[in-house]
Amino acid sequence: MNYKEKKFNTEIARLCGVNAAVVASKLWEAQANADSAFYIDGYPWVRASYKRITAYLPFLTVHMVQTAVKKLLREGVVKVGEYNESKFDRTHSYAFTGYGKDLMKA
């Protein structure tokens, strides 16, 4: 069988749950990719819709991703912004806070 391994930060899992830790790991990985990250105010931001995240993590539903992101926001691991060219585009962008970076690097 061909299993693809997914890794996550156990400290974030303790704070926010396993689903949030898996989503945080995916955002961290996307942020590290120079093609998908952009910088505003010194923070690397990544644009990601809930549906797009589920494309990379098909074992999570859109609702599960939404709940996970809300937990990451509530715990101060990530912050959210809307940096879109069109005023009709509501895709969120995410950046790790200083606290979130410390957790991800630990």
N, C-alpha and C. Protein backbone atom coordinates (compact mmCIF):
# COMPACT_ATOMS: atom_id res chain seq x y z
N MET A 1 0.84 -1.18 0.00
CA MET A 1 0.00 0.00 0.00
C MET A 1 0.88 1.25 0.00
N ASN A 2 0.40 2.26 -0.64
CA ASN A 2 1.13 3.52 -0.72
C ASN A 2 0.46 4.56 0.18
N TYR A 3 1.03 4.78 1.34
CA TYR A 3 0.50 5.77 2.28
C TYR A 3 1.36 7.01 2.23
N LYS A 4 0.73 8.15 2.17
CA LYS A 4 1.45 9.41 2.22
C LYS A 4 1.44 9.89 3.67
N GLU A 5 2.59 10.14 4.19
CA GLU A 5 2.73 10.52 5.58
C GLU A 5 2.43 12.00 5.77
N LYS A 6 1.63 12.33 6.78
CA LYS A 6 1.35 13.72 7.15
C LYS A 6 1.91 13.93 8.54
N LYS A 7 2.69 14.99 8.68
CA LYS A 7 3.29 15.31 9.97
C LYS A 7 2.64 16.57 10.53
N PHE A 8 2.64 16.68 11.85
CA PHE A 8 2.07 17.86 12.48
C PHE A 8 2.80 18.16 13.78
N ASN A 9 2.62 19.37 14.26
CA ASN A 9 3.25 19.84 15.47
C ASN A 9 2.41 19.38 16.67
N THR A 10 3.01 18.64 17.58
CA THR A 10 2.26 18.10 18.72
C THR A 10 1.83 19.18 19.71
N GLU A 11 2.58 20.27 19.82
CA GLU A 11 2.19 21.35 20.74
C GLU A 11 0.93 22.05 20.22
N ILE A 12 0.87 22.27 18.91
CA ILE A 12 -0.34 22.86 18.33
C ILE A 12 -1.50 21.89 18.45
N ALA A 13 -1.23 20.60 18.29
CA ALA A 13 -2.28 19.58 18.47
C ALA A 13 -2.82 19.62 19.89
N ARG A 14 -1.95 19.81 20.87
CA ARG A 14 -2.40 19.90 22.26
C ARG A 14 -3.27 21.13 22.48
N LEU A 15 -2.89 22.27 21.88
CA LEU A 15 -3.63 23.52 22.06
C LEU A 15 -4.93 23.55 21.27
N CYS A 16 -4.89 23.09 20.02
CA CYS A 16 -6.00 23.32 19.09
C CYS A 16 -6.62 22.05 18.52
N GLY A 17 -6.00 20.92 18.72
CA GLY A 17 -6.50 19.68 18.15
C GLY A 17 -5.65 19.22 16.98
N VAL A 18 -5.77 17.96 16.65
CA VAL A 18 -4.96 17.36 15.59
C VAL A 18 -5.29 17.97 14.22
N ASN A 19 -6.57 18.19 13.93
CA ASN A 19 -6.92 18.77 12.64
C ASN A 19 -6.27 20.14 12.45
N ALA A 20 -6.30 20.97 13.48
CA ALA A 20 -5.67 22.29 13.40
C ALA A 20 -4.16 22.16 13.23
N ALA A 21 -3.56 21.19 13.87
CA ALA A 21 -2.12 20.99 13.73
C ALA A 21 -1.76 20.56 12.32
N VAL A 22 -2.59 19.73 11.70
CA VAL A 22 -2.34 19.30 10.32
C VAL A 22 -2.51 20.48 9.37
N VAL A 23 -3.54 21.30 9.57
CA VAL A 23 -3.76 22.49 8.73
C VAL A 23 -2.61 23.47 8.91
N ALA A 24 -2.16 23.67 10.15
CA ALA A 24 -1.02 24.57 10.41
C ALA A 24 0.23 24.08 9.68
N SER A 25 0.45 22.79 9.69
CA SER A 25 1.61 22.23 9.00
C SER A 25 1.53 22.48 7.50
N LYS A 26 0.33 22.36 6.93
CA LYS A 26 0.16 22.62 5.50
C LYS A 26 0.41 24.10 5.18
N LEU A 27 -0.09 25.00 6.01
CA LEU A 27 0.14 26.43 5.81
C LEU A 27 1.63 26.76 5.97
N TRP A 28 2.29 26.13 6.92
CA TRP A 28 3.72 26.34 7.15
C TRP A 28 4.52 25.89 5.92
N GLU A 29 4.15 24.75 5.39
CA GLU A 29 4.81 24.21 4.21
C GLU A 29 4.58 25.14 3.00
N ALA A 30 3.37 25.64 2.83
CA ALA A 30 3.07 26.54 1.72
C ALA A 30 3.80 27.87 1.88
N GLN A 31 3.93 28.32 3.11
CA GLN A 31 4.66 29.57 3.39
C GLN A 31 6.13 29.43 3.04
N ALA A 32 6.69 28.26 3.25
CA ALA A 32 8.10 28.02 2.94
C ALA A 32 8.35 27.97 1.44
N ASN A 33 7.31 27.71 0.67
CA ASN A 33 7.42 27.67 -0.79
C ASN A 33 7.40 29.10 -1.32
N ALA A 34 8.48 29.53 -1.91
CA ALA A 34 8.61 30.92 -2.38
C ALA A 34 7.56 31.29 -3.42
N ASP A 35 7.05 30.31 -4.16
CA ASP A 35 6.06 30.61 -5.20
C ASP A 35 4.69 30.96 -4.63
N SER A 36 4.36 30.43 -3.47
CA SER A 36 3.01 30.65 -2.94
C SER A 36 2.94 31.69 -1.84
N ALA A 37 4.07 32.18 -1.35
CA ALA A 37 4.06 33.16 -0.27
C ALA A 37 4.33 34.57 -0.82
N PHE A 38 3.74 35.56 -0.16
CA PHE A 38 4.02 36.95 -0.48
C PHE A 38 4.21 37.69 0.85
N TYR A 39 4.94 38.79 0.82
CA TYR A 39 5.31 39.49 2.06
C TYR A 39 4.59 40.82 2.18
N ILE A 40 3.99 41.04 3.35
CA ILE A 40 3.39 42.31 3.71
C ILE A 40 3.75 42.56 5.16
N ASP A 41 4.27 43.75 5.44
CA ASP A 41 4.68 44.14 6.80
C ASP A 41 5.68 43.15 7.42
N GLY A 42 6.50 42.55 6.59
CA GLY A 42 7.53 41.64 7.08
C GLY A 42 7.07 40.22 7.36
N TYR A 43 5.80 39.94 7.14
CA TYR A 43 5.26 38.59 7.36
C TYR A 43 5.06 37.89 6.03
N PRO A 44 5.43 36.62 5.94
CA PRO A 44 5.08 35.85 4.74
C PRO A 44 3.62 35.40 4.84
N TRP A 45 2.83 35.73 3.85
CA TRP A 45 1.41 35.39 3.81
C TRP A 45 1.17 34.33 2.74
N VAL A 46 0.17 33.51 2.98
CA VAL A 46 -0.23 32.47 2.03
C VAL A 46 -1.74 32.59 1.82
N ARG A 47 -2.15 32.67 0.55
CA ARG A 47 -3.58 32.68 0.22
C ARG A 47 -4.07 31.24 0.20
N ALA A 48 -5.18 30.99 0.87
CA ALA A 48 -5.72 29.63 0.88
C ALA A 48 -7.19 29.65 1.26
N SER A 49 -8.01 29.08 0.41
CA SER A 49 -9.42 28.91 0.74
C SER A 49 -9.58 27.58 1.49
N TYR A 50 -10.67 27.44 2.19
CA TYR A 50 -10.93 26.20 2.90
C TYR A 50 -10.99 25.03 1.92
N LYS A 51 -11.62 25.27 0.79
CA LYS A 51 -11.77 24.22 -0.22
C LYS A 51 -10.40 23.81 -0.79
N ARG A 52 -9.53 24.78 -0.99
CA ARG A 52 -8.21 24.46 -1.52
C ARG A 52 -7.40 23.64 -0.51
N ILE A 53 -7.54 23.96 0.76
CA ILE A 53 -6.84 23.20 1.80
C ILE A 53 -7.31 21.75 1.80
N THR A 54 -8.62 21.54 1.60
CA THR A 54 -9.13 20.16 1.57
C THR A 54 -8.62 19.40 0.35
N ALA A 55 -8.23 20.11 -0.71
CA ALA A 55 -7.64 19.43 -1.87
C ALA A 55 -6.30 18.81 -1.50
N TYR A 56 -5.55 19.47 -0.60
CA TYR A 56 -4.27 18.95 -0.14
C TYR A 56 -4.44 17.97 1.03
N LEU A 57 -5.53 18.14 1.76
CA LEU A 57 -5.81 17.28 2.92
C LEU A 57 -7.19 16.67 2.74
N PRO A 58 -7.33 15.70 1.83
CA PRO A 58 -8.66 15.19 1.47
C PRO A 58 -9.38 14.43 2.58
N PHE A 59 -8.70 14.14 3.66
CA PHE A 59 -9.33 13.45 4.78
C PHE A 59 -10.06 14.43 5.70
N LEU A 60 -9.96 15.75 5.41
CA LEU A 60 -10.67 16.78 6.16
C LEU A 60 -11.77 17.37 5.29
N THR A 61 -12.91 17.66 5.90
CA THR A 61 -13.99 18.33 5.18
C THR A 61 -13.78 19.84 5.26
N VAL A 62 -14.53 20.57 4.46
CA VAL A 62 -14.44 22.04 4.49
C VAL A 62 -14.78 22.55 5.90
N HIS A 63 -15.80 21.98 6.51
CA HIS A 63 -16.19 22.39 7.86
C HIS A 63 -15.09 22.10 8.87
N MET A 64 -14.43 20.96 8.74
CA MET A 64 -13.33 20.62 9.65
C MET A 64 -12.18 21.61 9.51
N VAL A 65 -11.87 22.00 8.27
CA VAL A 65 -10.80 22.98 8.03
C VAL A 65 -11.20 24.33 8.61
N GLN A 66 -12.43 24.74 8.39
CA GLN A 66 -12.91 26.01 8.92
C GLN A 66 -12.81 26.04 10.44
N THR A 67 -13.22 24.98 11.10
CA THR A 67 -13.12 24.88 12.56
C THR A 67 -11.66 24.92 13.00
N ALA A 68 -10.79 24.22 12.29
CA ALA A 68 -9.37 24.18 12.63
C ALA A 68 -8.75 25.58 12.52
N VAL A 69 -9.08 26.29 11.45
CA VAL A 69 -8.53 27.64 11.27
C VAL A 69 -9.03 28.57 12.37
N LYS A 70 -10.30 28.46 12.73
CA LYS A 70 -10.84 29.29 13.81
C LYS A 70 -10.10 29.03 15.12
N LYS A 71 -9.77 27.78 15.39
CA LYS A 71 -9.01 27.45 16.61
C LYS A 71 -7.60 28.03 16.55
N LEU A 72 -6.96 27.96 15.38
CA LEU A 72 -5.61 28.54 15.23
C LEU A 72 -5.65 30.05 15.43
N LEU A 73 -6.69 30.70 14.93
CA LEU A 73 -6.85 32.14 15.12
C LEU A 73 -7.10 32.48 16.58
N ARG A 74 -8.00 31.73 17.22
CA ARG A 74 -8.34 31.99 18.62
C ARG A 74 -7.14 31.82 19.55
N GLU A 75 -6.28 30.85 19.26
CA GLU A 75 -5.10 30.61 20.10
C GLU A 75 -3.92 31.51 19.73
N GLY A 76 -4.08 32.33 18.68
CA GLY A 76 -3.02 33.26 18.30
C GLY A 76 -1.86 32.63 17.55
N VAL A 77 -2.10 31.49 16.91
CA VAL A 77 -1.06 30.81 16.16
C VAL A 77 -0.89 31.46 14.78
N VAL A 78 -2.01 31.79 14.15
CA VAL A 78 -1.99 32.46 12.85
C VAL A 78 -2.83 33.72 12.92
N LYS A 79 -2.63 34.57 11.93
CA LYS A 79 -3.51 35.73 11.76
C LYS A 79 -4.02 35.71 10.34
N VAL A 80 -5.13 36.39 10.12
CA VAL A 80 -5.81 36.35 8.82
C VAL A 80 -5.90 37.75 8.23
N GLY A 81 -5.86 37.79 6.91
CA GLY A 81 -6.02 39.04 6.19
C GLY A 81 -6.64 38.76 4.84
N GLU A 82 -7.11 39.81 4.19
CA GLU A 82 -7.63 39.70 2.83
C GLU A 82 -6.83 40.64 1.95
N TYR A 83 -5.92 40.10 1.19
CA TYR A 83 -5.06 40.86 0.29
C TYR A 83 -5.33 40.40 -1.15
N ASN A 84 -6.48 40.75 -1.65
CA ASN A 84 -6.90 40.30 -2.97
C ASN A 84 -6.99 41.47 -3.93
N GLU A 85 -6.77 41.20 -5.19
CA GLU A 85 -6.83 42.24 -6.21
C GLU A 85 -8.26 42.68 -6.47
N SER A 86 -9.21 41.79 -6.40
CA SER A 86 -10.60 42.10 -6.65
C SER A 86 -11.35 42.26 -5.33
N LYS A 87 -12.21 43.25 -5.24
CA LYS A 87 -12.99 43.43 -4.02
C LYS A 87 -14.04 42.34 -3.84
N PHE A 88 -14.29 41.56 -4.89
CA PHE A 88 -15.25 40.46 -4.82
C PHE A 88 -14.60 39.16 -4.38
N ASP A 89 -13.30 39.10 -4.38
CA ASP A 89 -12.55 37.90 -3.97
C ASP A 89 -12.42 37.92 -2.45
N ARG A 90 -12.96 36.93 -1.80
CA ARG A 90 -12.93 36.86 -0.33
C ARG A 90 -11.97 35.80 0.20
N THR A 91 -11.05 35.35 -0.65
CA THR A 91 -10.08 34.35 -0.22
C THR A 91 -9.20 34.93 0.88
N HIS A 92 -9.06 34.20 1.96
CA HIS A 92 -8.26 34.66 3.09
C HIS A 92 -6.78 34.37 2.86
N SER A 93 -5.96 35.19 3.47
CA SER A 93 -4.52 34.96 3.51
C SER A 93 -4.14 34.75 4.96
N TYR A 94 -3.17 33.88 5.19
CA TYR A 94 -2.78 33.53 6.55
C TYR A 94 -1.28 33.74 6.74
N ALA A 95 -0.92 34.22 7.91
CA ALA A 95 0.48 34.37 8.31
C ALA A 95 0.60 33.87 9.74
N PHE A 96 1.74 33.31 10.07
CA PHE A 96 1.98 32.87 11.44
C PHE A 96 2.41 34.05 12.28
N THR A 97 1.86 34.12 13.48
CA THR A 97 2.27 35.15 14.43
C THR A 97 3.65 34.77 14.98
N GLY A 98 4.26 35.64 15.74
CA GLY A 98 5.53 35.30 16.39
C GLY A 98 5.39 34.06 17.25
N TYR A 99 4.29 34.01 18.00
CA TYR A 99 3.99 32.86 18.85
C TYR A 99 3.84 31.59 18.00
N GLY A 100 3.13 31.71 16.87
CA GLY A 100 2.92 30.57 15.99
C GLY A 100 4.23 30.08 15.38
N LYS A 101 5.11 31.03 15.01
CA LYS A 101 6.42 30.65 14.47
C LYS A 101 7.23 29.89 15.50
N ASP A 102 7.19 30.39 16.75
CA ASP A 102 7.92 29.71 17.82
C ASP A 102 7.41 28.28 18.01
N LEU A 103 6.10 28.10 17.96
CA LEU A 103 5.52 26.76 18.11
C LEU A 103 5.93 25.85 16.95
N MET A 104 5.90 26.39 15.74
CA MET A 104 6.22 25.57 14.56
C MET A 104 7.70 25.19 14.52
N LYS A 105 8.55 26.04 15.05
CA LYS A 105 9.99 25.76 15.04
C LYS A 105 10.43 24.85 16.18
N ALA A 106 9.58 24.72 17.18
CA ALA A 106 9.95 23.91 18.36
C ALA A 106 9.93 22.43 18.05
